[in-house]
C-alpha atoms as a PDB file:
ATOM      1  CA  MET A   1      63.764 113.558 114.970  1.00  0.00           C
ATOM      2  CA  LYS A   2      67.337 114.008 113.698  1.00  0.00           C
ATOM      3  CA  ARG A   3      68.701 111.718 116.482  1.00  0.00           C
ATOM      4  CA  TRP A   4      66.440 108.859 115.455  1.00  0.00           C
ATOM      5  CA  SER A   5      67.143 109.560 111.791  1.00  0.00           C
ATOM      6  CA  ASN A   6      70.889 109.300 112.464  1.00  0.00           C
ATOM      7  CA  MET A   7      70.391 106.039 114.459  1.00  0.00           C
ATOM      8  CA  ALA A   8      68.432 104.565 111.570  1.00  0.00           C
ATOM      9  CA  LYS A   9      71.247 105.500 109.135  1.00  0.00           C
ATOM     10  CA  VAL A  10      73.849 103.906 111.443  1.00  0.00           C
ATOM     11  CA  PHE A  11      71.833 100.702 111.772  1.00  0.00           C
ATOM     12  CA  THR A  12      71.355 100.557 108.004  1.00  0.00           C
ATOM     13  CA  ARG A  13      75.046 100.997 107.435  1.00  0.00           C
ATOM     14  CA  VAL A  14      75.983  98.317 109.939  1.00  0.00           C
ATOM     15  CA  GLY A  15      73.352  96.009 108.426  1.00  0.00           C
ATOM     16  CA  ARG A  16      74.954  96.376 105.037  1.00  0.00           C
ATOM     17  CA  GLU A  17      78.417  95.730 106.487  1.00  0.00           C
ATOM     18  CA  ILE A  18      77.020  92.557 107.999  1.00  0.00           C
ATOM     19  CA  ALA A  19      75.476  91.531 104.695  1.00  0.00           C
ATOM     20  CA  ILE A  20      78.664  92.060 102.739  1.00  0.00           C
ATOM     21  CA  ALA A  21      80.742  90.276 105.386  1.00  0.00           C
ATOM     22  CA  VAL A  22      78.442  87.235 105.443  1.00  0.00           C
ATOM     23  CA  LYS A  23      78.414  87.068 101.654  1.00  0.00           C
ATOM     24  CA  SER A  24      82.202  87.056 101.531  1.00  0.00           C
ATOM     25  CA  GLY A  25      83.073  84.883 104.544  1.00  0.00           C
ATOM     26  CA  GLY A  26      80.126  83.079 106.032  1.00  0.00           C
ATOM     27  CA  THR A  27      77.943  83.489 109.141  1.00  0.00           C
ATOM     28  CA  ASP A  28      80.393  82.558 111.911  1.00  0.00           C
ATOM     29  CA  PRO A  29      82.249  85.634 113.318  1.00  0.00           C
ATOM     30  CA  ASN A  30      84.913  83.319 114.768  1.00  0.00           C
ATOM     31  CA  TYR A  31      86.100  82.446 111.250  1.00  0.00           C
ATOM     32  CA  ASN A  32      85.093  85.657 109.480  1.00  0.00           C
ATOM     33  CA  PRO A  33      87.195  88.656 110.608  1.00  0.00           C
ATOM     34  CA  ARG A  34      85.101  91.069 108.660  1.00  0.00           C
ATOM     35  CA  LEU A  35      81.898  89.893 110.177  1.00  0.00           C
ATOM     36  CA  ARG A  36      83.514  90.097 113.612  1.00  0.00           C
ATOM     37  CA  MET A  37      84.326  93.713 112.896  1.00  0.00           C
ATOM     38  CA  ALA A  38      80.747  94.403 111.749  1.00  0.00           C
ATOM     39  CA  VAL A  39      79.324  92.817 114.897  1.00  0.00           C
ATOM     40  CA  GLN A  40      81.732  94.856 117.031  1.00  0.00           C
ATOM     41  CA  ASN A  41      80.621  98.036 115.292  1.00  0.00           C
ATOM     42  CA  ALA A  42      76.974  97.072 115.811  1.00  0.00           C
ATOM     43  CA  LYS A  43      77.630  96.730 119.546  1.00  0.00           C
ATOM     44  CA  ALA A  44      79.384 100.102 119.581  1.00  0.00           C
ATOM     45  CA  ALA A  45      76.359 101.632 117.927  1.00  0.00           C
ATOM     46  CA  ASN A  46      74.041 100.140 120.535  1.00  0.00           C
ATOM     47  CA  MET A  47      72.351  98.000 117.919  1.00  0.00           C
ATOM     48  CA  PRO A  48      70.211  95.395 119.720  1.00  0.00           C
ATOM     49  CA  LYS A  49      71.574  91.805 119.539  1.00  0.00           C
ATOM     50  CA  VAL A  50      68.286  90.643 117.968  1.00  0.00           C
ATOM     51  CA  ASN A  51      68.844  93.043 115.105  1.00  0.00           C
ATOM     52  CA  VAL A  52      72.388  91.776 114.568  1.00  0.00           C
ATOM     53  CA  ASP A  53      71.214  88.130 114.592  1.00  0.00           C
ATOM     54  CA  ASN A  54      68.418  88.948 112.199  1.00  0.00           C
ATOM     55  CA  ALA A  55      70.822  90.759 109.863  1.00  0.00           C
ATOM     56  CA  ILE A  56      73.122  87.752 109.771  1.00  0.00           C
ATOM     57  CA  LYS A  57      70.202  85.426 109.191  1.00  0.00           C
ATOM     58  CA  LYS A  58      68.802  87.697 106.415  1.00  0.00           C
ATOM     59  CA  ALA A  59      72.178  87.982 104.729  1.00  0.00           C
ATOM     60  CA  SER A  60      72.596  84.181 104.549  1.00  0.00           C
ATOM     61  CA  ALA A  61      69.146  83.605 102.957  1.00  0.00           C
ATOM     62  CA  LYS A  62      69.049  82.442  99.328  1.00  0.00           C
ATOM     63  CA  ASP A  63      67.119  85.539  98.310  1.00  0.00           C
ATOM     64  CA  ALA A  64      69.395  87.961 100.182  1.00  0.00           C
ATOM     65  CA  GLU A  65      70.118  91.349  98.574  1.00  0.00           C
ATOM     66  CA  ASN A  66      73.472  91.417  96.854  1.00  0.00           C
ATOM     67  CA  TYR A  67      75.346  94.585  97.828  1.00  0.00           C
ATOM     68  CA  GLU A  68      78.343  95.698  95.829  1.00  0.00           C
ATOM     69  CA  GLU A  69      81.046  97.870  97.318  1.00  0.00           C
ATOM     70  CA  ILE A  70      81.998 100.796  95.151  1.00  0.00           C
ATOM     71  CA  VAL A  71      84.343 103.659  96.059  1.00  0.00           C
ATOM     72  CA  TYR A  72      83.807 107.020  94.337  1.00  0.00           C
ATOM     73  CA  GLU A  73      86.460 109.693  94.228  1.00  0.00           C
ATOM     74  CA  GLY A  74      86.221 113.394  93.725  1.00  0.00           C
ATOM     75  CA  TYR A  75      86.752 116.924  94.990  1.00  0.00           C
ATOM     76  CA  ALA A  76      84.776 119.068  97.333  1.00  0.00           C
ATOM     77  CA  PRO A  77      84.986 122.880  97.027  1.00  0.00           C
ATOM     78  CA  HIS A  78      88.438 124.473  97.569  1.00  0.00           C
ATOM     79  CA  GLY A  79      90.337 121.394  96.296  1.00  0.00           C
ATOM     80  CA  VAL A  80      89.539 119.009  99.166  1.00  0.00           C
ATOM     81  CA  ALA A  81      89.882 115.388  98.119  1.00  0.00           C
ATOM     82  CA  ILE A  82      86.825 113.217  98.887  1.00  0.00           C
ATOM     83  CA  LEU A  83      86.532 109.352  98.992  1.00  0.00           C
ATOM     84  CA  VAL A  84      82.993 107.977  99.212  1.00  0.00           C
ATOM     85  CA  GLU A  85      82.525 104.337 100.170  1.00  0.00           C
ATOM     86  CA  THR A  86      79.195 102.914  99.144  1.00  0.00           C
ATOM     87  CA  ALA A  87      77.339  99.598  99.450  1.00  0.00           C
ATOM     88  CA  THR A  88      74.668  99.345  96.770  1.00  0.00           C
ATOM     89  CA  ASP A  89      72.290  96.967  94.978  1.00  0.00           C
ATOM     90  CA  ASN A  90      71.948  99.462  92.119  1.00  0.00           C
ATOM     91  CA  SER A  91      75.159 101.074  91.004  1.00  0.00           C
ATOM     92  CA  THR A  92      73.340 103.213  88.393  1.00  0.00           C
ATOM     93  CA  ARG A  93      71.279 104.876  91.071  1.00  0.00           C
ATOM     94  CA  THR A  94      74.216 105.270  93.397  1.00  0.00           C
ATOM     95  CA  VAL A  95      76.581 106.989  90.983  1.00  0.00           C
ATOM     96  CA  ALA A  96      73.823 109.350  89.904  1.00  0.00           C
ATOM     97  CA  ASN A  97      73.132 110.330  93.478  1.00  0.00           C
ATOM     98  CA  VAL A  98      76.818 110.751  94.346  1.00  0.00           C
ATOM     99  CA  ARG A  99      77.374 112.875  91.193  1.00  0.00           C
ATOM    100  CA  HIS A 100      74.359 115.051  92.058  1.00  0.00           C
ATOM    101  CA  VAL A 101      75.657 115.795  95.567  1.00  0.00           C
ATOM    102  CA  PHE A 102      79.132 116.672  94.294  1.00  0.00           C
ATOM    103  CA  SER A 103      77.668 118.934  91.572  1.00  0.00           C
ATOM    104  CA  LYS A 104      75.057 120.638  93.744  1.00  0.00           C
ATOM    105  CA  TYR A 105      77.485 121.553  96.561  1.00  0.00           C
ATOM    106  CA  GLY A 106      80.364 122.843  94.461  1.00  0.00           C
ATOM    107  CA  GLY A 107      82.402 119.686  94.043  1.00  0.00           C
ATOM    108  CA  SER A 108      83.067 117.286  91.194  1.00  0.00           C
ATOM    109  CA  LEU A 109      83.117 113.514  90.734  1.00  0.00           C
ATOM    110  CA  GLY A 110      86.499 112.293  89.552  1.00  0.00           C
ATOM    111  CA  THR A 111      87.744 109.141  87.861  1.00  0.00           C
ATOM    112  CA  SER A 112      88.981 106.019  89.559  1.00  0.00           C
ATOM    113  CA  GLY A 113      92.466 106.599  91.062  1.00  0.00           C
ATOM    114  CA  SER A 114      92.143 110.405  90.931  1.00  0.00           C
ATOM    115  CA  VAL A 115      92.379 110.927  94.722  1.00  0.00           C
ATOM    116  CA  GLU A 116      92.634 107.473  96.347  1.00  0.00           C
ATOM    117  CA  TYR A 117      96.475 107.673  96.247  1.00  0.00           C
ATOM    118  CA  MET A 118      96.223 110.555  98.694  1.00  0.00           C
ATOM    119  CA  PHE A 119      94.934 108.215 101.412  1.00  0.00           C
ATOM    120  CA  ASP A 120      96.452 105.255 103.278  1.00  0.00           C
ATOM    121  CA  ARG A 121      94.008 102.526 104.283  1.00  0.00           C
ATOM    122  CA  LYS A 122      94.441 101.439 107.831  1.00  0.00           C
ATOM    123  CA  GLY A 123      92.765  99.157 110.394  1.00  0.00           C
ATOM    124  CA  ILE A 124      92.135 100.769 113.743  1.00  0.00           C
ATOM    125  CA  PHE A 125      91.165  98.951 116.958  1.00  0.00           C
ATOM    126  CA  THR A 126      90.059 100.702 120.100  1.00  0.00           C
ATOM    127  CA  VAL A 127      90.858  98.930 123.383  1.00  0.00           C
ATOM    128  CA  ALA A 128      90.868 100.046 127.008  1.00  0.00           C
ATOM    129  CA  LYS A 129      94.296 101.101 128.391  1.00  0.00           C
ATOM    130  CA  ASP A 130      93.948  98.825 131.481  1.00  0.00           C
ATOM    131  CA  ALA A 131      93.150  95.769 129.304  1.00  0.00           C
ATOM    132  CA  ILE A 132      96.601  95.223 127.778  1.00  0.00           C
ATOM    133  CA  GLY A 133      98.695  94.336 130.858  1.00  0.00           C
ATOM    134  CA  ASP A 134     102.441  94.975 130.460  1.00  0.00           C
ATOM    135  CA  ARG A 135     102.704  97.518 127.654  1.00  0.00           C
ATOM    136  CA  ASP A 136     106.146  96.572 126.306  1.00  0.00           C
ATOM    137  CA  GLU A 137     105.226  92.874 126.155  1.00  0.00           C
ATOM    138  CA  PHE A 138     101.903  93.741 124.544  1.00  0.00           C
ATOM    139  CA  GLU A 139     103.491  95.932 121.912  1.00  0.00           C
ATOM    140  CA  LEU A 140     106.062  93.262 120.955  1.00  0.00           C
ATOM    141  CA  GLU A 141     103.312  90.659 120.467  1.00  0.00           C
ATOM    142  CA  MET A 142     101.116  92.970 118.509  1.00  0.00           C
ATOM    143  CA  ILE A 143     103.993  94.168 116.286  1.00  0.00           C
ATOM    144  CA  ASP A 144     104.423  90.543 115.218  1.00  0.00           C
ATOM    145  CA  ALA A 145     100.752  90.582 114.250  1.00  0.00           C
ATOM    146  CA  GLY A 146     101.003  93.789 112.162  1.00  0.00           C
ATOM    147  CA  LEU A 147     100.705  96.637 114.716  1.00  0.00           C
ATOM    148  CA  GLU A 148     102.257  99.808 113.267  1.00  0.00           C
ATOM    149  CA  GLU A 149     101.357 102.518 115.791  1.00  0.00           C
ATOM    150  CA  ILE A 150      99.606 103.147 119.118  1.00  0.00           C
ATOM    151  CA  LYS A 151      97.887 106.378 119.958  1.00  0.00           C
ATOM    152  CA  TYR A 152      96.136 107.509 123.151  1.00  0.00           C
ATOM    153  CA  ASP A 153      92.471 108.638 123.211  1.00  0.00           C
ATOM    154  CA  GLU A 154      91.406 109.432 126.778  1.00  0.00           C
ATOM    155  CA  ASP A 155      91.022 106.063 128.534  1.00  0.00           C
ATOM    156  CA  ASN A 156      91.607 104.017 125.350  1.00  0.00           C
ATOM    157  CA  LEU A 157      94.408 102.950 123.062  1.00  0.00           C
ATOM    158  CA  LEU A 158      94.074 103.203 119.314  1.00  0.00           C
ATOM    159  CA  LEU A 159      95.969 100.411 117.571  1.00  0.00           C
ATOM    160  CA  TYR A 160      96.870 101.061 113.882  1.00  0.00           C
ATOM    161  CA  CYS A 161      97.763  98.485 111.289  1.00  0.00           C
ATOM    162  CA  ASN A 162      98.010  98.203 107.537  1.00  0.00           C
ATOM    163  CA  PHE A 163      94.747  97.201 105.830  1.00  0.00           C
ATOM    164  CA  THR A 164      96.245  93.875 104.851  1.00  0.00           C
ATOM    165  CA  ASP A 165      97.187  93.063 108.448  1.00  0.00           C
ATOM    166  CA  TYR A 166      93.694  93.750 109.832  1.00  0.00           C
ATOM    167  CA  GLY A 167      92.727  90.055 110.244  1.00  0.00           C
ATOM    168  CA  SER A 168      95.990  89.010 111.869  1.00  0.00           C
ATOM    169  CA  LEU A 169      95.931  91.798 114.456  1.00  0.00           C
ATOM    170  CA  GLN A 170      92.313  91.095 115.230  1.00  0.00           C
ATOM    171  CA  THR A 171      93.180  87.430 115.737  1.00  0.00           C
ATOM    172  CA  ALA A 172      96.095  88.328 118.043  1.00  0.00           C
ATOM    173  CA  LEU A 173      93.849  90.537 120.221  1.00  0.00           C
ATOM    174  CA  ASP A 174      91.285  87.716 120.436  1.00  0.00           C
ATOM    175  CA  LYS A 175      93.945  85.222 121.510  1.00  0.00           C
ATOM    176  CA  LYS A 176      95.006  87.510 124.336  1.00  0.00           C
ATOM    177  CA  GLY A 177      91.371  87.891 125.390  1.00  0.00           C
ATOM    178  CA  ILE A 178      91.388  91.644 124.894  1.00  0.00           C
ATOM    179  CA  GLU A 179      87.972  93.077 124.233  1.00  0.00           C
ATOM    180  CA  VAL A 180      87.811  95.488 121.301  1.00  0.00           C
ATOM    181  CA  ALA A 181      85.478  98.470 121.929  1.00  0.00           C
ATOM    182  CA  GLU A 182      85.498  99.421 118.224  1.00  0.00           C
ATOM    183  CA  ALA A 183      87.157  98.195 115.044  1.00  0.00           C
ATOM    184  CA  LYS A 184      87.155  99.925 111.764  1.00  0.00           C
ATOM    185  CA  LEU A 185      88.872 100.352 108.392  1.00  0.00           C
ATOM    186  CA  ASP A 186      89.872 103.988 107.899  1.00  0.00           C
ATOM    187  CA  ARG A 187      91.360 106.005 105.042  1.00  0.00           C
ATOM    188  CA  ILE A 188      93.920 108.403 106.456  1.00  0.00           C
ATOM    189  CA  PRO A 189      95.168 111.305 104.257  1.00  0.00           C
ATOM    190  CA  ASN A 190      98.894 111.469 103.657  1.00  0.00           C
ATOM    191  CA  HIS A 191      98.627 115.224 103.440  1.00  0.00           C
ATOM    192  CA  TYR A 192      96.021 117.769 104.584  1.00  0.00           C
ATOM    193  CA  LYS A 193      94.366 120.799 103.053  1.00  0.00           C
ATOM    194  CA  ASN A 194      94.248 123.958 105.112  1.00  0.00           C
ATOM    195  CA  LEU A 195      91.139 126.104 104.712  1.00  0.00           C
ATOM    196  CA  THR A 196      89.531 129.202 106.188  1.00  0.00           C
ATOM    197  CA  GLU A 197      86.464 128.793 108.446  1.00  0.00           C
ATOM    198  CA  GLU A 198      84.148 129.829 105.603  1.00  0.00           C
ATOM    199  CA  GLU A 199      85.778 127.282 103.244  1.00  0.00           C
ATOM    200  CA  VAL A 200      85.513 124.538 105.854  1.00  0.00           C
ATOM    201  CA  GLU A 201      81.763 125.220 106.146  1.00  0.00           C
ATOM    202  CA  ASP A 202      81.407 124.761 102.347  1.00  0.00           C
ATOM    203  CA  VAL A 203      83.120 121.343 102.524  1.00  0.00           C
ATOM    204  CA  ILE A 204      81.228 120.157 105.603  1.00  0.00           C
ATOM    205  CA  LYS A 205      77.971 120.966 103.858  1.00  0.00           C
ATOM    206  CA  LEU A 206      78.857 118.667 100.972  1.00  0.00           C
ATOM    207  CA  ILE A 207      80.110 115.905 103.300  1.00  0.00           C
ATOM    208  CA  GLU A 208      76.937 116.024 105.438  1.00  0.00           C
ATOM    209  CA  LYS A 209      74.678 115.805 102.311  1.00  0.00           C
ATOM    210  CA  MET A 210      76.760 112.921 100.993  1.00  0.00           C
ATOM    211  CA  GLU A 211      76.492 111.011 104.290  1.00  0.00           C
ATOM    212  CA  GLU A 212      72.695 111.322 104.082  1.00  0.00           C
ATOM    213  CA  GLU A 213      72.606 109.305 100.903  1.00  0.00           C
ATOM    214  CA  ASP A 214      71.106 105.834 101.545  1.00  0.00           C
ATOM    215  CA  ASP A 215      73.877 103.984  99.674  1.00  0.00           C
ATOM    216  CA  VAL A 216      76.750 105.862 101.266  1.00  0.00           C
ATOM    217  CA  GLN A 217      78.638 104.060 104.052  1.00  0.00           C
ATOM    218  CA  TYR A 218      81.548 106.372 104.825  1.00  0.00           C
ATOM    219  CA  VAL A 219      82.950 109.635 103.504  1.00  0.00           C
ATOM    220  CA  PHE A 220      86.644 110.470 103.883  1.00  0.00           C
ATOM    221  CA  HIS A 221      88.402 113.758 103.196  1.00  0.00           C
ATOM    222  CA  ASN A 222      91.809 115.418 103.539  1.00  0.00           C
ATOM    223  CA  MET A 223      90.631 118.673 105.089  1.00  0.00           C
ATOM    224  CA  ASP A 224      92.674 119.763 108.153  1.00  0.00           C
ATOM    225  CA  MET A 225      90.380 119.509 111.182  1.00  0.00           C
ATOM    226  CA  SER A 226      93.078 119.855 113.899  1.00  0.00           C
ATOM    227  CA  GLU A 227      92.061 123.297 115.042  1.00  0.00           C
END
């Protein structure tokens, strides 16, 4: 049952991403970079095309739900910084639920700006290694479009850019005909918190419960997970 529950959560999250993207930039992915990202993520999540089309159609209707994006900041146990991205049609409900999870699992909800400065917001595109052709030429072209860094992940390349360059890098990849396996906006810590195994378990418990909340889209933290 957990597998299907997780899939339903992912589909709900992607559906809200689509709704917000349509509201902000229209229904055509060719002219709406954010919608293009949401559709790519839907594909990566194996969301059926009919579901994607229905989500776009629903979001463009006159009586469509109006989701607001709100980021909550706080601390998990042991001083780990937490950022919670939400998409909600009822901010009163959402902040109450987020505060409850923080409180119940040993954390605390902070004020705006209390931990966000500890994270850098980046765009990340995943593409196949064999799709880019000559690497030096590719890198030069992508740097002009905002590429900051390339990392390897098995058979893929992870292309990093600043949040503000997301659209231009996406457009540059499209023009070269490079298929993007996944695209996302991430919040990367500029420093990490080292914890014991027992402390890590405490933090993971809070994160998992936070991710189960209906209005929560993504949860970011600065806990060191390298080991």
